[in-house]
Amino acid sequence: MYAQNLVPNPSFEIHFDCTTTVIETASPWCGVNPCGCFNTCIAGPLSIPTQSFSPGYPSYQLPHSGNAYAEFAFIWPTIATISRYPHVPLIDTLKAGKVYCVTYYVSLWNDCKYSADKLGALFTATPFDCTVGSQNLYTGYTPQVLSTPGVLYDDTLNWQEVSGIFTATGTEAYLTIGNFFPNAAHTYSISYPGGVRNLADYYLDDVSVEEVEVVKARNDTLIYQGDSVIVGANNSEATLFSWQPAAGLSCTNCPNPNASPNVTTTYTVTKTQCKSLTTDEITVSVSPVGINEFGMTNADLRFLPNPSNDLVTITSRFDFEKVELLSITGQVLLTETVNSKSHQLQLQNFSEGIYFAKVVYSNGLSVTKKIIKQ
């Protein structure tokens, strides 16, 4: 499954009133101070992709996805004007100690003179009252996710990604996006001297908040040469997986590949989600399936009964020196000396599950077979 996006109506597609451009029409979003929301269903000069405000405030942008996007005024460098903040309740309260990835996309309005840095995402336990005007969030609030100071978001043609990660305290239930610093704390620039509007105003689209899941490889395991085993234990998320080395893998960029190495191999998996990298590893030990110097086949070594409740009789065409009972991870659980062609392996004291019996011959070669304890 895919990681759940905890932002409802994340690209503003659900839009119940095509006669107005206020963000409240994209429920459950609202504006801390008035914010806009544009949709292809809106007729006239305020439709997507072209907005033409009077007097002389033209802009043009296609959605990052779908048929809608929102708008928020970010910074007014020349005057002390209140910024505007898109605000939304999350689908669920964040979990304490969990790491979350926050991602959204912005594009600067065409008619803006300025561009700025430090775009913020603020999580709070309680909502802001969107019916109260002129709210100042420049003091008293610290956004958990902040774009890199000094990096300007100045692209009017393309969408730019804003993303980051943070660890939740377990009280975060609301998300607010915008400017949480006074003008003097920003790096801002006159990116477009011909711009009519003396501010940095941004389109907003595709907002997401997702829990970062740590990548998981399965426990170390033992297989026969020629067999295969699944080496990952991950959800099929829309994130980037990378497995190394590639030898014996069914794929190197999927969450849970099959591995069929010819020799014992340690595989390392790296997962990239948002700005977070996590890694894990698994060692697949490979046992030979026969003893060619003896000219033996698998039929020359028998384990009966298999599966078994308590006792397995091992018979071989040749004398063998010892038997080792191994766990599925390759741990030696029992070693018994034999020097015979047959031996009874006692399983009464072991739990139900899969084990491996390693039969060792006098020339140092061995055969390993799977045993199932019922």
Protein backbone atom coordinates (compact mmCIF):
# COMPACT_ATOMS: atom_id res chain seq x y z
CA MET A 1 0.00 0.00 0.00
CA TYR A 2 1.01 3.63 -0.30
CA ALA A 3 1.81 5.93 2.62
CA GLN A 4 -1.29 7.90 3.60
CA ASN A 5 -1.41 11.61 2.86
CA LEU A 6 -2.85 13.20 6.01
CA VAL A 7 -3.89 16.40 4.19
CA PRO A 8 -7.52 16.39 3.03
CA ASN A 9 -8.28 17.84 -0.41
CA PRO A 10 -4.51 18.22 -0.97
CA SER A 11 -4.72 19.70 -4.47
CA PHE A 12 -7.93 21.71 -3.92
CA GLU A 13 -9.88 19.63 -6.45
CA ILE A 14 -12.99 19.37 -4.26
CA HIS A 15 -14.53 22.77 -4.99
CA PHE A 16 -18.17 23.48 -4.16
CA ASP A 17 -18.66 27.02 -5.48
CA CYS A 18 -17.48 28.09 -8.93
CA THR A 19 -18.66 31.68 -8.52
CA THR A 20 -15.93 32.79 -6.12
CA THR A 21 -12.18 32.39 -5.62
CA VAL A 22 -11.91 32.26 -1.81
CA ILE A 23 -10.05 29.23 -0.43
CA GLU A 24 -13.02 28.29 1.76
CA THR A 25 -14.69 26.88 -1.37
CA ALA A 26 -12.08 24.07 -1.25
CA SER A 27 -13.31 22.60 2.02
CA PRO A 28 -11.95 21.94 4.63
CA TRP A 29 -9.30 24.55 3.78
CA CYS A 30 -9.69 28.11 5.02
CA GLY A 31 -7.60 31.26 5.03
CA VAL A 32 -5.91 32.86 8.03
CA ASN A 33 -6.41 36.26 6.42
CA PRO A 34 -7.98 35.95 2.92
CA CYS A 35 -6.44 33.40 0.53
CA GLY A 36 -7.46 32.57 -3.02
CA CYS A 37 -8.37 29.32 -4.74
CA PHE A 38 -8.70 28.96 -8.50
CA ASN A 39 -10.38 26.21 -10.50
CA THR A 40 -11.07 25.51 -14.15
CA CYS A 41 -14.79 25.59 -13.31
CA ILE A 42 -14.58 29.34 -12.59
CA ALA A 43 -15.69 31.41 -15.58
CA GLY A 44 -14.23 34.71 -16.70
CA PRO A 45 -10.94 36.47 -15.91
CA LEU A 46 -10.22 34.46 -12.74
CA SER A 47 -10.26 31.00 -14.30
CA ILE A 48 -7.32 28.62 -14.72
CA PRO A 49 -4.82 29.06 -16.31
CA THR A 50 -5.21 32.85 -16.63
CA GLN A 51 -6.04 35.30 -13.87
CA SER A 52 -6.40 38.97 -14.71
CA PHE A 53 -6.98 41.25 -11.75
CA SER A 54 -7.82 44.89 -12.16
CA PRO A 55 -5.98 47.14 -12.43
CA GLY A 56 -3.27 45.40 -14.45
CA TYR A 57 -2.46 42.31 -12.35
CA PRO A 58 -2.19 39.52 -14.92
CA SER A 59 -0.89 36.03 -14.13
CA TYR A 60 -0.77 32.63 -15.80
CA GLN A 61 -0.18 29.14 -14.43
CA LEU A 62 -1.25 25.58 -15.16
CA PRO A 63 -1.95 23.38 -12.11
CA HIS A 64 0.83 21.17 -10.80
CA SER A 65 -1.83 18.44 -11.01
CA GLY A 66 -5.58 18.29 -11.52
CA ASN A 67 -7.74 21.35 -12.16
CA ALA A 68 -7.13 23.66 -9.20
CA TYR A 69 -4.63 25.43 -6.99
CA ALA A 70 -4.65 27.88 -4.08
CA GLU A 71 -2.90 31.22 -3.50
CA PHE A 72 -1.26 32.94 -0.53
CA ALA A 73 0.40 36.34 -0.10
CA PHE A 74 3.80 35.71 1.45
CA ILE A 75 5.81 38.89 2.03
CA TRP A 76 5.32 42.63 1.44
CA PRO A 77 8.89 44.00 1.74
CA THR A 78 7.99 47.69 1.41
CA ILE A 79 5.03 47.87 3.81
CA ALA A 80 3.97 46.24 7.09
CA THR A 81 1.09 44.21 5.69
CA ILE A 82 -0.27 41.01 7.19
CA SER A 83 0.54 37.84 5.20
CA ARG A 84 -2.07 35.25 4.18
CA TYR A 85 -2.01 31.60 5.25
CA PRO A 86 -3.78 28.52 3.86
CA HIS A 87 -4.96 26.48 6.87
CA VAL A 88 -6.40 22.95 7.10
CA PRO A 89 -7.23 20.27 9.72
CA LEU A 90 -5.28 17.04 9.22
CA ILE A 91 -7.09 13.75 8.65
CA ASP A 92 -5.54 12.42 11.86
CA THR A 93 -3.40 13.76 14.69
CA LEU A 94 0.29 13.00 14.18
CA LYS A 95 1.94 10.27 16.27
CA ALA A 96 4.47 11.12 18.94
CA GLY A 97 8.05 10.25 17.99
CA LYS A 98 7.21 9.51 14.35
CA VAL A 99 9.03 11.29 11.53
CA TYR A 100 6.86 13.02 8.92
CA CYS A 101 7.57 14.25 5.41
CA VAL A 102 5.97 17.54 4.39
CA THR A 103 5.84 18.43 0.69
CA TYR A 104 4.07 21.12 -1.32
CA TYR A 105 4.62 23.01 -4.56
CA VAL A 106 4.69 26.75 -5.19
CA SER A 107 4.96 29.06 -8.18
CA LEU A 108 5.45 32.82 -8.01
CA TRP A 109 2.71 34.98 -9.54
CA ASN A 110 3.77 36.63 -12.80
CA ASP A 111 2.97 40.17 -11.70
CA CYS A 112 4.99 40.05 -8.46
CA LYS A 113 8.09 42.19 -8.14
CA TYR A 114 9.63 40.25 -5.24
CA SER A 115 10.63 36.70 -4.41
CA ALA A 116 11.57 35.41 -0.95
CA ASP A 117 13.01 32.56 1.12
CA LYS A 118 11.93 30.74 4.33
CA LEU A 119 8.55 29.34 3.32
CA GLY A 120 7.16 27.64 6.40
CA ALA A 121 4.81 24.80 7.37
CA LEU A 122 3.42 25.16 10.90
CA PHE A 123 1.68 22.35 12.80
CA THR A 124 -0.52 23.21 15.77
CA ALA A 125 -2.72 21.32 18.23
CA THR A 126 -5.59 23.80 17.86
CA PRO A 127 -6.96 25.64 14.81
CA PHE A 128 -6.71 29.29 13.93
CA ASP A 129 -9.98 31.18 13.58
CA CYS A 130 -10.24 31.95 9.88
CA THR A 131 -13.16 34.34 10.47
CA VAL A 132 -10.88 36.82 12.27
CA GLY A 133 -9.04 39.25 10.01
CA SER A 134 -5.54 40.77 10.22
CA GLN A 135 -3.91 37.99 12.21
CA ASN A 136 -0.14 38.36 12.60
CA LEU A 137 1.77 35.06 12.75
CA TYR A 138 5.23 36.69 12.52
CA THR A 139 5.91 36.25 16.22
CA GLY A 140 5.21 33.44 18.65
CA TYR A 141 5.17 30.65 16.05
CA THR A 142 8.03 28.45 14.84
CA PRO A 143 7.31 26.33 11.74
CA GLN A 144 8.44 22.72 12.03
CA VAL A 145 9.40 22.65 8.34
CA LEU A 146 11.15 25.59 6.72
CA SER A 147 12.63 26.04 3.28
CA THR A 148 16.37 26.72 3.15
CA PRO A 149 17.23 30.26 4.30
CA GLY A 150 18.73 32.29 1.48
CA VAL A 151 17.19 30.17 -1.31
CA LEU A 152 14.66 32.25 -3.22
CA TYR A 153 11.49 30.82 -4.72
CA ASP A 154 11.35 32.95 -7.84
CA ASP A 155 10.13 30.71 -10.66
CA THR A 156 6.97 32.03 -12.36
CA LEU A 157 6.98 29.40 -15.13
CA ASN A 158 7.46 26.13 -13.23
CA TRP A 159 6.41 24.68 -9.90
CA GLN A 160 9.09 24.47 -7.20
CA GLU A 161 9.02 21.81 -4.50
CA VAL A 162 9.18 22.77 -0.83
CA SER A 163 9.81 19.78 1.43
CA GLY A 164 11.30 18.69 4.71
CA ILE A 165 10.96 16.31 7.62
CA PHE A 166 10.32 16.68 11.35
CA THR A 167 9.57 14.54 14.38
CA ALA A 168 6.08 14.94 15.82
CA THR A 169 5.26 15.48 19.49
CA GLY A 170 1.86 13.80 19.07
CA THR A 171 -0.33 16.91 19.39
CA GLU A 172 -0.17 18.21 15.82
CA ALA A 173 -3.65 18.27 14.25
CA TYR A 174 -3.65 21.37 11.99
CA LEU A 175 -1.39 22.63 9.20
CA THR A 176 -0.75 26.25 8.22
CA ILE A 177 1.49 27.31 5.32
CA GLY A 178 3.09 30.71 4.85
CA ASN A 179 5.36 33.36 6.35
CA PHE A 180 6.24 33.22 10.05
CA PHE A 181 9.00 35.85 10.16
CA PRO A 182 9.19 39.67 9.96
CA ASN A 183 10.63 41.21 6.80
CA ALA A 184 14.07 41.76 8.35
CA ALA A 185 14.46 38.01 8.96
CA HIS A 186 14.05 37.16 5.26
CA THR A 187 16.26 37.17 2.23
CA TYR A 188 14.13 38.71 -0.48
CA SER A 189 14.93 40.14 -3.88
CA ILE A 190 13.48 42.25 -6.63
CA SER A 191 13.45 39.34 -9.06
CA TYR A 192 11.17 41.07 -11.57
CA PRO A 193 11.61 44.88 -11.61
CA GLY A 194 8.66 45.21 -14.00
CA GLY A 195 6.28 43.51 -11.58
CA VAL A 196 3.21 45.52 -10.70
CA ARG A 197 2.60 44.03 -7.25
CA ASN A 198 5.10 44.98 -4.54
CA LEU A 199 5.04 41.60 -2.83
CA ALA A 200 5.87 37.90 -3.20
CA ASP A 201 2.62 36.03 -3.84
CA TYR A 202 2.57 32.29 -4.51
CA TYR A 203 0.34 29.69 -6.05
CA LEU A 204 0.08 26.49 -3.96
CA ASP A 205 -0.67 22.91 -5.05
CA ASP A 206 -0.33 19.24 -4.01
CA VAL A 207 0.20 19.54 -0.27
CA SER A 208 1.13 16.31 1.53
CA VAL A 209 2.04 15.16 5.03
CA GLU A 210 3.14 11.52 5.20
CA GLU A 211 4.72 9.39 7.88
CA VAL A 212 8.27 8.36 7.00
CA GLU A 213 8.56 4.59 7.29
CA VAL A 214 12.03 3.21 7.96
CA VAL A 215 13.21 0.78 5.29
CA LYS A 216 13.25 -2.87 6.33
CA ALA A 217 15.16 -5.89 5.09
CA ARG A 218 14.12 -9.32 6.33
CA ASN A 219 16.20 -11.25 8.87
CA ASP A 220 19.36 -13.01 7.71
CA THR A 221 18.47 -16.34 6.16
CA LEU A 222 19.89 -19.55 4.68
CA ILE A 223 18.90 -21.02 1.31
CA TYR A 224 19.94 -23.86 -0.98
CA GLN A 225 21.93 -22.96 -4.04
CA GLY A 226 19.39 -22.32 -6.80
CA ASP A 227 16.59 -21.32 -4.40
CA SER A 228 15.31 -17.78 -3.92
CA VAL A 229 14.00 -15.72 -1.02
CA ILE A 230 12.21 -12.37 -0.63
CA VAL A 231 14.69 -9.99 1.04
CA GLY A 232 12.52 -6.90 1.73
CA ALA A 233 9.72 -6.25 4.23
CA ASN A 234 8.38 -2.92 2.95
CA ASN A 235 5.08 -1.42 1.91
CA SER A 236 4.80 -0.66 -1.80
CA GLU A 237 5.10 3.07 -1.31
CA ALA A 238 5.67 5.68 -3.96
CA THR A 239 9.22 6.23 -2.77
CA LEU A 240 12.67 5.37 -4.12
CA PHE A 241 14.26 2.04 -3.22
CA SER A 242 17.79 0.99 -4.14
CA TRP A 243 19.27 -2.49 -3.52
CA GLN A 244 22.97 -3.33 -3.79
CA PRO A 245 24.66 -5.44 -5.08
CA ALA A 246 22.48 -6.35 -8.06
CA ALA A 247 23.77 -9.95 -8.38
CA GLY A 248 20.95 -12.45 -7.94
CA LEU A 249 18.19 -9.85 -7.46
CA SER A 250 14.92 -9.85 -9.40
CA CYS A 251 15.01 -6.00 -9.34
CA THR A 252 17.12 -3.31 -7.70
CA ASN A 253 14.53 -0.52 -7.30
CA CYS A 254 11.46 -2.33 -5.94
CA PRO A 255 10.50 -2.61 -2.24
CA ASN A 256 10.80 -6.40 -1.88
CA PRO A 257 12.89 -8.18 -4.55
CA ASN A 258 13.57 -11.89 -4.79
CA ALA A 259 17.20 -12.86 -4.21
CA SER A 260 18.82 -15.97 -5.67
CA PRO A 261 22.57 -15.52 -5.18
CA ASN A 262 25.09 -18.19 -6.14
CA VAL A 263 27.23 -17.44 -3.08
CA THR A 264 26.60 -15.98 0.36
CA THR A 265 25.75 -12.31 -0.20
CA THR A 266 24.91 -9.33 2.01
CA TYR A 267 22.35 -7.03 0.38
CA THR A 268 21.92 -3.37 1.43
CA VAL A 269 18.68 -1.48 0.76
CA THR A 270 18.39 2.33 0.81
CA LYS A 271 15.05 4.11 0.83
CA THR A 272 14.58 7.77 -0.07
CA GLN A 273 11.37 9.39 1.21
CA CYS A 274 11.17 13.16 1.19
CA LYS A 275 14.55 14.33 2.54
CA SER A 276 15.02 11.18 4.63
CA LEU A 277 17.41 8.32 3.81
CA THR A 278 17.19 5.03 5.73
CA THR A 279 19.13 1.81 5.16
CA ASP A 280 19.04 -1.82 6.24
CA GLU A 281 20.77 -5.05 5.21
CA ILE A 282 20.26 -8.80 5.01
CA THR A 283 22.76 -11.62 4.55
CA VAL A 284 21.59 -14.55 2.43
CA SER A 285 23.77 -17.56 3.18
CA VAL A 286 23.95 -20.16 0.39
CA SER A 287 24.54 -23.87 1.05
CA PRO A 288 25.63 -26.36 -1.65
CA VAL A 289 23.05 -28.95 -2.71
CA GLY A 290 25.26 -31.98 -3.32
CA ILE A 291 28.63 -33.70 -2.91
CA ASN A 292 30.04 -34.07 -6.36
CA GLU A 293 33.24 -35.84 -5.23
CA PHE A 294 31.08 -38.70 -3.95
CA GLY A 295 28.90 -38.61 -7.04
CA MET A 296 25.90 -38.24 -4.72
CA THR A 297 22.47 -36.94 -5.61
CA ASN A 298 19.82 -35.57 -3.26
CA ALA A 299 18.16 -39.00 -3.36
CA ASP A 300 21.25 -40.48 -1.64
CA LEU A 301 20.51 -38.48 1.53
CA ARG A 302 17.09 -38.90 3.11
CA PHE A 303 15.28 -37.22 6.01
CA LEU A 304 12.20 -39.16 7.14
CA PRO A 305 9.62 -38.22 8.14
CA ASN A 306 9.75 -34.59 7.02
CA PRO A 307 7.74 -32.74 8.29
CA SER A 308 8.11 -34.38 11.70
CA ASN A 309 6.73 -33.91 15.22
CA ASP A 310 9.76 -35.07 17.18
CA LEU A 311 12.15 -37.47 15.42
CA VAL A 312 13.82 -37.36 11.98
CA THR A 313 15.89 -40.30 10.73
CA ILE A 314 18.78 -39.31 8.49
CA THR A 315 20.14 -41.97 6.12
CA SER A 316 23.03 -41.57 3.70
CA ARG A 317 24.78 -43.65 1.06
CA PHE A 318 28.09 -42.85 2.78
CA ASP A 319 29.24 -42.51 6.37
CA PHE A 320 29.01 -38.98 7.73
CA GLU A 321 30.87 -37.52 10.69
CA LYS A 322 28.37 -35.15 12.26
CA VAL A 323 25.00 -33.41 11.98
CA GLU A 324 24.30 -29.75 12.77
CA LEU A 325 20.82 -28.34 13.27
CA LEU A 326 20.58 -24.73 12.07
CA SER A 327 17.96 -22.04 12.53
CA ILE A 328 16.51 -20.29 9.50
CA THR A 329 19.02 -17.48 10.11
CA GLY A 330 21.95 -19.91 10.07
CA GLN A 331 22.54 -20.14 13.84
CA VAL A 332 23.87 -23.53 14.97
CA LEU A 333 21.36 -24.90 17.50
CA LEU A 334 22.69 -28.45 17.93
CA THR A 335 25.81 -30.45 16.92
CA GLU A 336 25.97 -34.25 17.14
CA THR A 337 28.84 -36.63 16.25
CA VAL A 338 27.76 -39.60 14.09
CA ASN A 339 30.42 -41.60 12.12
CA SER A 340 27.69 -43.73 10.54
CA LYS A 341 25.34 -43.90 7.55
CA SER A 342 22.30 -43.12 9.68
CA HIS A 343 21.31 -41.00 12.66
CA GLN A 344 18.17 -40.05 14.55
CA LEU A 345 17.79 -36.30 15.08
CA GLN A 346 15.72 -35.41 18.14
CA LEU A 347 13.43 -32.38 17.68
CA GLN A 348 11.27 -32.66 20.82
CA ASN A 349 12.87 -29.64 22.49
CA PHE A 350 12.51 -27.32 19.52
CA SER A 351 9.58 -25.10 18.58
CA GLU A 352 7.49 -25.61 15.47
CA GLY A 353 9.00 -24.04 12.37
CA ILE A 354 11.60 -24.40 9.65
CA TYR A 355 15.14 -25.63 10.36
CA PHE A 356 18.13 -26.85 8.34
CA ALA A 357 20.11 -30.04 8.98
CA LYS A 358 23.72 -29.91 7.84
CA VAL A 359 25.28 -33.35 7.25
CA VAL A 360 29.11 -33.17 7.27
CA TYR A 361 31.25 -35.88 5.60
CA SER A 362 34.82 -36.99 6.34
CA ASN A 363 36.26 -35.13 3.35
CA GLY A 364 34.95 -31.84 4.75
CA LEU A 365 32.08 -31.47 2.29
CA SER A 366 28.50 -31.20 3.47
CA VAL A 367 24.87 -31.29 2.41
CA THR A 368 22.22 -29.06 3.96
CA LYS A 369 18.51 -29.87 3.78
CA LYS A 370 15.39 -28.19 5.11
CA ILE A 371 13.45 -29.79 8.00
CA ILE A 372 9.97 -28.76 9.13
CA LYS A 373 9.07 -29.29 12.79
CA GLN A 374 5.30 -29.55 13.29
